Amino acid sequence: MKSCPNCHEEIEDNFEVCWNCNYSLTENKVVEFEDPTIQGTRKIKCLRCDVPMPYSGNFKFHEGSRYGVFGNLFEVFENREAFDLYVCPQCGKVEFFTAQAH
């Protein structure tokens, strides 16, 4: 077992990053990890333009002709899906991704 120089926690010999404070023993600094479960944090580039595509929100889609109070009672059981939407600022290409749990 090794000891983390930053927080002094014990680290397994085969680990290079402290589980407690994210201190990297190879880089000698605390490293930041992106959390992919947070909405809108994916780093996506447009396949056509090769520019970053900004997150445009989470959109919900509903199968059926009517929705809400005036909808058919059986439409309650219809398929509903939510997708994260990313749009290219140059060409307008749209990418849908399944919403990540958080």
C-alpha atoms as a PDB file:
ATOM      1  CA  MET A   1       0.000   0.000   0.000  1.00  0.00           C
ATOM      2  CA  LYS A   2       1.094   3.547  -0.803  1.00  0.00           C
ATOM      3  CA  SER A   3       0.164   6.769   0.932  1.00  0.00           C
ATOM      4  CA  CYS A   4      -1.292   9.725  -0.976  1.00  0.00           C
ATOM      5  CA  PRO A   5       0.996  12.775  -0.620  1.00  0.00           C
ATOM      6  CA  ASN A   6      -2.036  15.097  -0.811  1.00  0.00           C
ATOM      7  CA  CYS A   7      -4.551  13.626   1.684  1.00  0.00           C
ATOM      8  CA  HIS A   8      -2.474  10.792   3.240  1.00  0.00           C
ATOM      9  CA  GLU A   9      -5.049   8.087   2.427  1.00  0.00           C
ATOM     10  CA  GLU A  10      -3.815   4.599   1.691  1.00  0.00           C
ATOM     11  CA  ILE A  11      -3.779   3.697  -2.015  1.00  0.00           C
ATOM     12  CA  GLU A  12      -3.483   0.239  -3.530  1.00  0.00           C
ATOM     13  CA  ASP A  13      -0.093  -0.383  -5.123  1.00  0.00           C
ATOM     14  CA  ASN A  14      -1.564  -0.860  -8.596  1.00  0.00           C
ATOM     15  CA  PHE A  15      -3.512   2.475  -8.549  1.00  0.00           C
ATOM     16  CA  GLU A  16      -2.004   5.700  -9.881  1.00  0.00           C
ATOM     17  CA  VAL A  17      -4.813   8.040  -8.714  1.00  0.00           C
ATOM     18  CA  CYS A  18      -6.001   8.491  -5.135  1.00  0.00           C
ATOM     19  CA  TRP A  19      -9.587   7.345  -4.697  1.00  0.00           C
ATOM     20  CA  ASN A  20     -10.224  10.021  -2.061  1.00  0.00           C
ATOM     21  CA  CYS A  21      -8.904  13.258  -3.579  1.00  0.00           C
ATOM     22  CA  ASN A  22      -8.089  12.390  -7.249  1.00  0.00           C
ATOM     23  CA  TYR A  23      -4.397  13.091  -6.743  1.00  0.00           C
ATOM     24  CA  SER A  24      -2.416  11.595  -9.643  1.00  0.00           C
ATOM     25  CA  LEU A  25       0.861  10.044  -8.539  1.00  0.00           C
ATOM     26  CA  THR A  26       2.204  10.133 -12.104  1.00  0.00           C
ATOM     27  CA  GLU A  27       1.299  13.809 -12.747  1.00  0.00           C
ATOM     28  CA  ASN A  28       1.889  14.982  -9.145  1.00  0.00           C
ATOM     29  CA  LYS A  29      -1.319  17.013  -9.062  1.00  0.00           C
ATOM     30  CA  VAL A  30      -5.043  16.694  -8.363  1.00  0.00           C
ATOM     31  CA  VAL A  31      -6.799  15.784 -11.611  1.00  0.00           C
ATOM     32  CA  GLU A  32     -10.374  16.710 -12.502  1.00  0.00           C
ATOM     33  CA  PHE A  33     -12.672  14.156 -14.099  1.00  0.00           C
ATOM     34  CA  GLU A  34     -15.730  15.116 -16.122  1.00  0.00           C
ATOM     35  CA  ASP A  35     -18.959  13.535 -14.951  1.00  0.00           C
ATOM     36  CA  PRO A  36     -20.726  12.153 -18.060  1.00  0.00           C
ATOM     37  CA  THR A  37     -23.989  11.763 -16.151  1.00  0.00           C
ATOM     38  CA  ILE A  38     -24.554  15.528 -15.901  1.00  0.00           C
ATOM     39  CA  GLN A  39     -26.894  16.782 -18.624  1.00  0.00           C
ATOM     40  CA  GLY A  40     -25.258  18.666 -21.450  1.00  0.00           C
ATOM     41  CA  THR A  41     -21.650  17.889 -20.580  1.00  0.00           C
ATOM     42  CA  ARG A  42     -20.844  15.627 -23.532  1.00  0.00           C
ATOM     43  CA  LYS A  43     -18.065  16.893 -25.761  1.00  0.00           C
ATOM     44  CA  ILE A  44     -19.546  16.387 -29.234  1.00  0.00           C
ATOM     45  CA  LYS A  45     -18.167  17.675 -32.521  1.00  0.00           C
ATOM     46  CA  CYS A  46     -20.150  18.009 -35.723  1.00  0.00           C
ATOM     47  CA  LEU A  47     -19.275  15.224 -38.146  1.00  0.00           C
ATOM     48  CA  ARG A  48     -19.532  17.648 -41.077  1.00  0.00           C
ATOM     49  CA  CYS A  49     -17.896  20.827 -39.763  1.00  0.00           C
ATOM     50  CA  ASP A  50     -15.676  19.442 -36.974  1.00  0.00           C
ATOM     51  CA  VAL A  51     -16.789  22.208 -34.565  1.00  0.00           C
ATOM     52  CA  PRO A  52     -18.146  21.707 -31.024  1.00  0.00           C
ATOM     53  CA  MET A  53     -21.918  21.196 -30.858  1.00  0.00           C
ATOM     54  CA  PRO A  54     -23.513  23.015 -27.896  1.00  0.00           C
ATOM     55  CA  TYR A  55     -26.169  21.341 -25.758  1.00  0.00           C
ATOM     56  CA  SER A  56     -29.627  22.649 -26.659  1.00  0.00           C
ATOM     57  CA  GLY A  57     -31.716  21.001 -23.974  1.00  0.00           C
ATOM     58  CA  ASN A  58     -33.637  17.851 -23.199  1.00  0.00           C
ATOM     59  CA  PHE A  59     -36.620  17.286 -25.483  1.00  0.00           C
ATOM     60  CA  LYS A  60     -39.515  14.954 -24.731  1.00  0.00           C
ATOM     61  CA  PHE A  61     -41.397  13.186 -27.501  1.00  0.00           C
ATOM     62  CA  HIS A  62     -44.792  11.517 -27.315  1.00  0.00           C
ATOM     63  CA  GLU A  63     -46.397   8.980 -29.662  1.00  0.00           C
ATOM     64  CA  GLY A  64     -50.041   9.593 -30.400  1.00  0.00           C
ATOM     65  CA  SER A  65     -52.294  12.220 -31.919  1.00  0.00           C
ATOM     66  CA  ARG A  66     -53.376  14.107 -28.801  1.00  0.00           C
ATOM     67  CA  TYR A  67     -51.654  14.949 -25.552  1.00  0.00           C
ATOM     68  CA  GLY A  68     -52.736  16.258 -22.171  1.00  0.00           C
ATOM     69  CA  VAL A  69     -56.208  16.666 -20.695  1.00  0.00           C
ATOM     70  CA  PHE A  70     -57.930  16.348 -24.085  1.00  0.00           C
ATOM     71  CA  GLY A  71     -55.977  13.245 -25.110  1.00  0.00           C
ATOM     72  CA  ASN A  72     -57.344   9.767 -25.403  1.00  0.00           C
ATOM     73  CA  LEU A  73     -57.244   7.778 -22.153  1.00  0.00           C
ATOM     74  CA  PHE A  74     -55.308   4.972 -23.861  1.00  0.00           C
ATOM     75  CA  GLU A  75     -52.550   7.378 -24.914  1.00  0.00           C
ATOM     76  CA  VAL A  76     -51.397   7.361 -21.291  1.00  0.00           C
ATOM     77  CA  PHE A  77     -49.781   4.017 -22.100  1.00  0.00           C
ATOM     78  CA  GLU A  78     -48.107   5.196 -25.315  1.00  0.00           C
ATOM     79  CA  ASN A  79     -44.364   5.451 -25.706  1.00  0.00           C
ATOM     80  CA  ARG A  80     -42.696   8.595 -24.368  1.00  0.00           C
ATOM     81  CA  GLU A  81     -38.988   9.252 -24.816  1.00  0.00           C
ATOM     82  CA  ALA A  82     -36.612  12.056 -23.836  1.00  0.00           C
ATOM     83  CA  PHE A  83     -33.434  12.935 -25.718  1.00  0.00           C
ATOM     84  CA  ASP A  84     -30.560  15.365 -25.200  1.00  0.00           C
ATOM     85  CA  LEU A  85     -30.288  17.613 -28.261  1.00  0.00           C
ATOM     86  CA  TYR A  86     -27.068  19.052 -29.701  1.00  0.00           C
ATOM     87  CA  VAL A  87     -27.065  21.469 -32.673  1.00  0.00           C
ATOM     88  CA  CYS A  88     -24.156  22.490 -34.919  1.00  0.00           C
ATOM     89  CA  PRO A  89     -23.847  26.309 -34.982  1.00  0.00           C
ATOM     90  CA  GLN A  90     -22.434  26.259 -38.542  1.00  0.00           C
ATOM     91  CA  CYS A  91     -24.471  23.790 -40.600  1.00  0.00           C
ATOM     92  CA  GLY A  92     -27.511  23.228 -38.356  1.00  0.00           C
ATOM     93  CA  LYS A  93     -27.009  19.463 -38.058  1.00  0.00           C
ATOM     94  CA  VAL A  94     -28.952  18.038 -35.117  1.00  0.00           C
ATOM     95  CA  GLU A  95     -27.823  15.103 -32.962  1.00  0.00           C
ATOM     96  CA  PHE A  96     -30.101  13.269 -30.496  1.00  0.00           C
ATOM     97  CA  PHE A  97     -28.708  11.233 -27.620  1.00  0.00           C
ATOM     98  CA  THR A  98     -30.542   9.245 -24.985  1.00  0.00           C
ATOM     99  CA  ALA A  99     -30.808  11.229 -21.776  1.00  0.00           C
ATOM    100  CA  GLN A 100     -28.244  10.100 -19.237  1.00  0.00           C
ATOM    101  CA  ALA A 101     -29.358   9.198 -15.752  1.00  0.00           C
ATOM    102  CA  HIS A 102     -28.244  11.513 -12.941  1.00  0.00           C
END
